[in-house]
N, C-alpha and C. Protein backbone atom coordinates (compact mmCIF):
# COMPACT_ATOMS: atom_id res chain seq x y z
N MET A 1 139.17 53.85 189.73
CA MET A 1 139.11 52.42 189.92
C MET A 1 137.67 51.94 189.69
N ASN A 2 137.54 50.84 189.03
CA ASN A 2 136.23 50.23 188.80
C ASN A 2 135.89 49.36 190.00
N TYR A 3 135.01 49.85 190.86
CA TYR A 3 134.70 49.14 192.10
C TYR A 3 133.97 47.83 191.88
N ILE A 4 133.10 47.77 190.88
CA ILE A 4 132.39 46.52 190.59
C ILE A 4 133.39 45.46 190.12
N LYS A 5 134.34 45.86 189.27
CA LYS A 5 135.37 44.92 188.80
C LYS A 5 136.18 44.41 189.99
N LYS A 6 136.57 45.31 190.88
CA LYS A 6 137.34 44.94 192.06
C LYS A 6 136.53 44.00 192.96
N LEU A 7 135.25 44.32 193.13
CA LEU A 7 134.37 43.48 193.93
C LEU A 7 134.29 42.07 193.37
N ARG A 8 134.16 41.97 192.05
CA ARG A 8 134.07 40.65 191.42
C ARG A 8 135.37 39.89 191.50
N GLU A 9 136.50 40.59 191.54
CA GLU A 9 137.79 39.93 191.71
C GLU A 9 137.93 39.37 193.12
N VAL A 10 137.51 40.15 194.11
CA VAL A 10 137.65 39.75 195.51
C VAL A 10 136.62 38.70 195.90
N LYS A 11 135.40 38.79 195.33
CA LYS A 11 134.29 37.89 195.67
C LYS A 11 134.09 37.81 197.19
N PRO A 12 133.79 38.94 197.82
CA PRO A 12 133.70 38.96 199.28
C PRO A 12 132.57 38.09 199.82
N LEU A 13 132.85 37.46 200.93
CA LEU A 13 131.86 36.71 201.68
C LEU A 13 131.19 37.69 202.62
N VAL A 14 129.87 37.86 202.49
CA VAL A 14 129.13 38.86 203.27
C VAL A 14 128.15 38.14 204.20
N HIS A 15 128.35 38.31 205.49
CA HIS A 15 127.43 37.75 206.48
C HIS A 15 126.26 38.71 206.63
N ASN A 16 125.05 38.18 206.49
CA ASN A 16 123.83 38.99 206.54
C ASN A 16 122.92 38.52 207.65
N ILE A 17 122.48 39.47 208.46
CA ILE A 17 121.39 39.23 209.41
C ILE A 17 120.30 40.19 208.96
N THR A 18 119.31 39.65 208.31
CA THR A 18 118.28 40.49 207.70
C THR A 18 116.90 39.96 208.04
N ASN A 19 115.89 40.73 207.68
CA ASN A 19 114.54 40.27 207.99
C ASN A 19 114.10 39.21 206.98
N TYR A 20 113.09 38.46 207.36
CA TYR A 20 112.64 37.33 206.54
C TYR A 20 111.96 37.77 205.26
N VAL A 21 111.51 39.00 205.20
CA VAL A 21 110.86 39.52 204.01
C VAL A 21 111.89 39.75 202.90
N THR A 22 113.08 40.23 203.25
CA THR A 22 114.07 40.62 202.25
C THR A 22 115.22 39.64 202.08
N VAL A 23 115.23 38.56 202.81
CA VAL A 23 116.40 37.67 202.81
C VAL A 23 116.77 37.19 201.41
N ASN A 24 115.80 36.80 200.60
CA ASN A 24 116.09 36.31 199.26
C ASN A 24 116.59 37.44 198.35
N ASP A 25 115.98 38.62 198.47
CA ASP A 25 116.41 39.76 197.66
C ASP A 25 117.83 40.18 198.00
N VAL A 26 118.16 40.22 199.28
CA VAL A 26 119.50 40.60 199.70
C VAL A 26 120.53 39.60 199.18
N ALA A 27 120.24 38.32 199.34
CA ALA A 27 121.17 37.29 198.85
C ALA A 27 121.37 37.41 197.34
N ASN A 28 120.29 37.58 196.60
CA ASN A 28 120.40 37.70 195.14
C ASN A 28 121.14 38.96 194.72
N ALA A 29 120.94 40.06 195.42
CA ALA A 29 121.66 41.30 195.09
C ALA A 29 123.16 41.13 195.29
N ILE A 30 123.54 40.49 196.39
CA ILE A 30 124.97 40.27 196.64
C ILE A 30 125.57 39.34 195.59
N LEU A 31 124.83 38.30 195.23
CA LEU A 31 125.29 37.40 194.16
C LEU A 31 125.43 38.14 192.84
N ALA A 32 124.47 39.02 192.53
CA ALA A 32 124.47 39.73 191.25
C ALA A 32 125.69 40.64 191.08
N ILE A 33 126.20 41.19 192.16
CA ILE A 33 127.36 42.07 192.04
C ILE A 33 128.69 41.36 192.28
N GLY A 34 128.63 40.03 192.47
CA GLY A 34 129.85 39.26 192.56
C GLY A 34 130.27 38.81 193.93
N GLY A 35 129.44 39.04 194.93
CA GLY A 35 129.77 38.60 196.29
C GLY A 35 129.17 37.23 196.59
N SER A 36 129.46 36.75 197.77
CA SER A 36 128.92 35.48 198.25
C SER A 36 128.21 35.73 199.57
N PRO A 37 126.88 35.58 199.60
CA PRO A 37 126.14 35.85 200.83
C PRO A 37 126.08 34.66 201.77
N ILE A 38 126.14 34.94 203.06
CA ILE A 38 125.79 33.98 204.11
C ILE A 38 124.60 34.60 204.83
N MET A 39 123.53 33.85 204.95
CA MET A 39 122.32 34.35 205.59
C MET A 39 122.13 33.56 206.88
N SER A 40 122.61 34.12 207.99
CA SER A 40 122.53 33.37 209.24
C SER A 40 122.35 34.31 210.41
N ASP A 41 121.34 34.02 211.23
CA ASP A 41 121.14 34.79 212.46
C ASP A 41 121.13 33.90 213.69
N GLU A 42 121.62 32.68 213.56
CA GLU A 42 121.68 31.75 214.68
C GLU A 42 122.73 32.24 215.69
N ILE A 43 122.29 32.51 216.90
CA ILE A 43 123.14 33.10 217.94
C ILE A 43 124.40 32.29 218.21
N THR A 44 124.32 30.97 218.09
CA THR A 44 125.48 30.13 218.40
C THR A 44 126.55 30.15 217.32
N GLU A 45 126.24 30.73 216.16
CA GLU A 45 127.23 30.73 215.09
C GLU A 45 127.54 32.09 214.48
N VAL A 46 126.84 33.15 214.90
CA VAL A 46 127.05 34.43 214.23
C VAL A 46 128.46 34.99 214.41
N ALA A 47 129.05 34.84 215.56
CA ALA A 47 130.41 35.36 215.76
C ALA A 47 131.40 34.66 214.84
N GLN A 48 131.27 33.36 214.73
CA GLN A 48 132.18 32.61 213.84
C GLN A 48 131.90 32.94 212.37
N MET A 49 130.64 33.04 212.00
CA MET A 49 130.29 33.40 210.62
C MET A 49 130.85 34.77 210.26
N THR A 50 130.72 35.71 211.16
CA THR A 50 131.22 37.06 210.90
C THR A 50 132.74 37.05 210.80
N SER A 51 133.40 36.28 211.65
CA SER A 51 134.87 36.28 211.64
C SER A 51 135.45 35.67 210.37
N ILE A 52 134.73 34.77 209.70
CA ILE A 52 135.25 34.20 208.46
C ILE A 52 134.79 34.98 207.23
N SER A 53 133.94 35.98 207.43
CA SER A 53 133.41 36.78 206.33
C SER A 53 134.27 38.02 206.10
N ASN A 54 134.00 38.69 204.99
CA ASN A 54 134.69 39.94 204.68
C ASN A 54 133.91 41.17 205.10
N ALA A 55 132.61 40.99 205.35
CA ALA A 55 131.76 42.13 205.72
C ALA A 55 130.54 41.61 206.45
N LEU A 56 129.86 42.52 207.15
CA LEU A 56 128.64 42.20 207.88
C LEU A 56 127.56 43.19 207.47
N ASN A 57 126.38 42.67 207.13
CA ASN A 57 125.22 43.49 206.79
C ASN A 57 124.12 43.17 207.80
N ILE A 58 123.68 44.19 208.54
CA ILE A 58 122.62 44.01 209.53
C ILE A 58 121.42 44.86 209.13
N ASN A 59 120.28 44.21 208.97
CA ASN A 59 119.03 44.89 208.65
C ASN A 59 118.14 44.85 209.89
N ILE A 60 117.87 46.01 210.45
CA ILE A 60 117.08 46.06 211.69
C ILE A 60 115.61 46.39 211.41
N GLY A 61 115.14 46.03 210.23
CA GLY A 61 113.77 46.35 209.85
C GLY A 61 112.72 45.58 210.63
N THR A 62 112.94 44.33 210.92
CA THR A 62 112.01 43.55 211.74
C THR A 62 112.84 42.87 212.82
N LEU A 63 112.49 43.13 214.05
CA LEU A 63 113.31 42.66 215.17
C LEU A 63 112.55 41.71 216.08
N ASN A 64 113.32 40.85 216.73
CA ASN A 64 112.83 40.07 217.85
C ASN A 64 114.01 39.89 218.80
N GLN A 65 113.75 39.46 220.01
CA GLN A 65 114.79 39.40 221.03
C GLN A 65 115.96 38.50 220.63
N VAL A 66 115.69 37.39 219.99
CA VAL A 66 116.76 36.47 219.58
C VAL A 66 117.61 37.13 218.49
N LYS A 67 116.97 37.75 217.52
CA LYS A 67 117.71 38.40 216.43
C LYS A 67 118.55 39.56 216.95
N ILE A 68 118.02 40.32 217.91
CA ILE A 68 118.78 41.43 218.48
C ILE A 68 120.05 40.92 219.14
N ALA A 69 119.96 39.85 219.90
CA ALA A 69 121.15 39.27 220.54
C ALA A 69 122.16 38.82 219.48
N SER A 70 121.67 38.22 218.41
CA SER A 70 122.55 37.78 217.33
C SER A 70 123.24 38.96 216.67
N MET A 71 122.51 40.05 216.48
CA MET A 71 123.09 41.24 215.86
C MET A 71 124.21 41.82 216.71
N PHE A 72 124.00 41.88 218.02
CA PHE A 72 125.05 42.38 218.91
C PHE A 72 126.29 41.49 218.87
N GLU A 73 126.10 40.17 218.89
CA GLU A 73 127.24 39.25 218.85
C GLU A 73 128.00 39.38 217.53
N ALA A 74 127.28 39.46 216.44
CA ALA A 74 127.92 39.62 215.13
C ALA A 74 128.65 40.96 215.06
N GLY A 75 128.04 42.00 215.60
CA GLY A 75 128.69 43.32 215.62
C GLY A 75 129.99 43.32 216.39
N LYS A 76 130.00 42.65 217.53
CA LYS A 76 131.24 42.54 218.33
C LYS A 76 132.32 41.84 217.52
N ALA A 77 131.96 40.74 216.87
CA ALA A 77 132.94 39.99 216.05
C ALA A 77 133.43 40.84 214.89
N SER A 78 132.52 41.59 214.28
CA SER A 78 132.90 42.45 213.16
C SER A 78 133.88 43.54 213.61
N ASN A 79 133.64 44.13 214.77
CA ASN A 79 134.56 45.13 215.31
C ASN A 79 135.93 44.53 215.58
N THR A 80 135.95 43.35 216.15
CA THR A 80 137.22 42.67 216.44
C THR A 80 138.02 42.41 215.17
N CYS A 81 137.32 42.04 214.10
CA CYS A 81 137.97 41.72 212.82
C CYS A 81 138.18 42.94 211.93
N HIS A 82 137.69 44.10 212.36
CA HIS A 82 137.79 45.34 211.58
C HIS A 82 137.13 45.21 210.21
N HIS A 83 135.97 44.57 210.19
CA HIS A 83 135.21 44.41 208.95
C HIS A 83 134.37 45.64 208.65
N ILE A 84 133.99 45.74 207.41
CA ILE A 84 133.00 46.73 207.02
C ILE A 84 131.66 46.23 207.54
N THR A 85 130.93 47.10 208.23
CA THR A 85 129.61 46.74 208.73
C THR A 85 128.60 47.75 208.21
N VAL A 86 127.52 47.23 207.63
CA VAL A 86 126.45 48.06 207.09
C VAL A 86 125.19 47.81 207.90
N PHE A 87 124.56 48.90 208.35
CA PHE A 87 123.29 48.81 209.06
C PHE A 87 122.20 49.38 208.17
N VAL A 88 121.12 48.63 208.02
CA VAL A 88 119.99 49.07 207.21
C VAL A 88 118.77 49.15 208.11
N ARG A 89 118.08 50.28 208.07
CA ARG A 89 116.86 50.46 208.86
C ARG A 89 115.73 50.70 207.89
N LYS A 90 115.02 49.66 207.54
CA LYS A 90 113.90 49.78 206.61
C LYS A 90 112.79 48.86 207.07
N SER A 91 111.80 49.42 207.70
CA SER A 91 110.66 48.62 208.14
C SER A 91 109.77 48.27 206.97
N VAL A 92 109.27 47.06 206.99
CA VAL A 92 108.28 46.66 206.00
C VAL A 92 106.98 47.40 206.28
N ALA A 93 106.66 47.55 207.54
CA ALA A 93 105.47 48.31 207.96
C ALA A 93 105.76 48.88 209.34
N PRO A 94 105.10 49.95 209.71
CA PRO A 94 105.33 50.49 211.05
C PRO A 94 104.97 49.47 212.12
N ALA A 95 105.70 49.50 213.21
CA ALA A 95 105.44 48.56 214.30
C ALA A 95 104.43 49.19 215.27
N PRO A 96 103.19 48.76 215.22
CA PRO A 96 102.18 49.38 216.09
C PRO A 96 102.42 49.11 217.56
N THR A 97 103.21 48.11 217.87
CA THR A 97 103.47 47.77 219.28
C THR A 97 104.70 48.44 219.83
N GLY A 98 105.49 49.10 218.99
CA GLY A 98 106.71 49.74 219.46
C GLY A 98 107.88 48.78 219.53
N SER A 99 107.73 47.56 219.02
CA SER A 99 108.81 46.58 219.11
C SER A 99 110.03 46.96 218.31
N ASN A 100 109.90 47.84 217.32
CA ASN A 100 111.05 48.27 216.54
C ASN A 100 111.87 49.35 217.23
N THR A 101 111.51 49.71 218.43
CA THR A 101 112.25 50.74 219.14
C THR A 101 113.04 50.16 220.32
N VAL A 102 113.21 48.84 220.37
CA VAL A 102 113.85 48.22 221.53
C VAL A 102 115.36 48.38 221.54
N ILE A 103 115.98 48.67 220.42
CA ILE A 103 117.44 48.82 220.40
C ILE A 103 117.76 50.15 220.90
C-alpha cells in the first residue's frame, strides 16, 4: 500500500502542541504530505481540538506549566477517541534549570 497516497486521500486533521521554535516547520511538513495541521495549545480548547482531529502530535522539547497542562488534557481526549498520538522529545538546547524534567 502506498501510505503517502492514502494519507493524501484521507487528508487527516492533526492537532499539534509543539514548541514555538518548530511550530511553522511542523505545520508545513504536515501540509507537504497532505495533512491539515491545527496548532493549538490553549488549555480551554485542546480537548475539543483533539476530539475533532484524526491524530495528536505532542512535542515536549520546550515546556512550561501551562503547556504541560494542555498536553495532559489533549492526551486524555486522544485516548478517549482512540487517536494516534505521537510524542516528540527534541530540545532546542539543554535546559540548564532542569525545567525539561518536570514531566
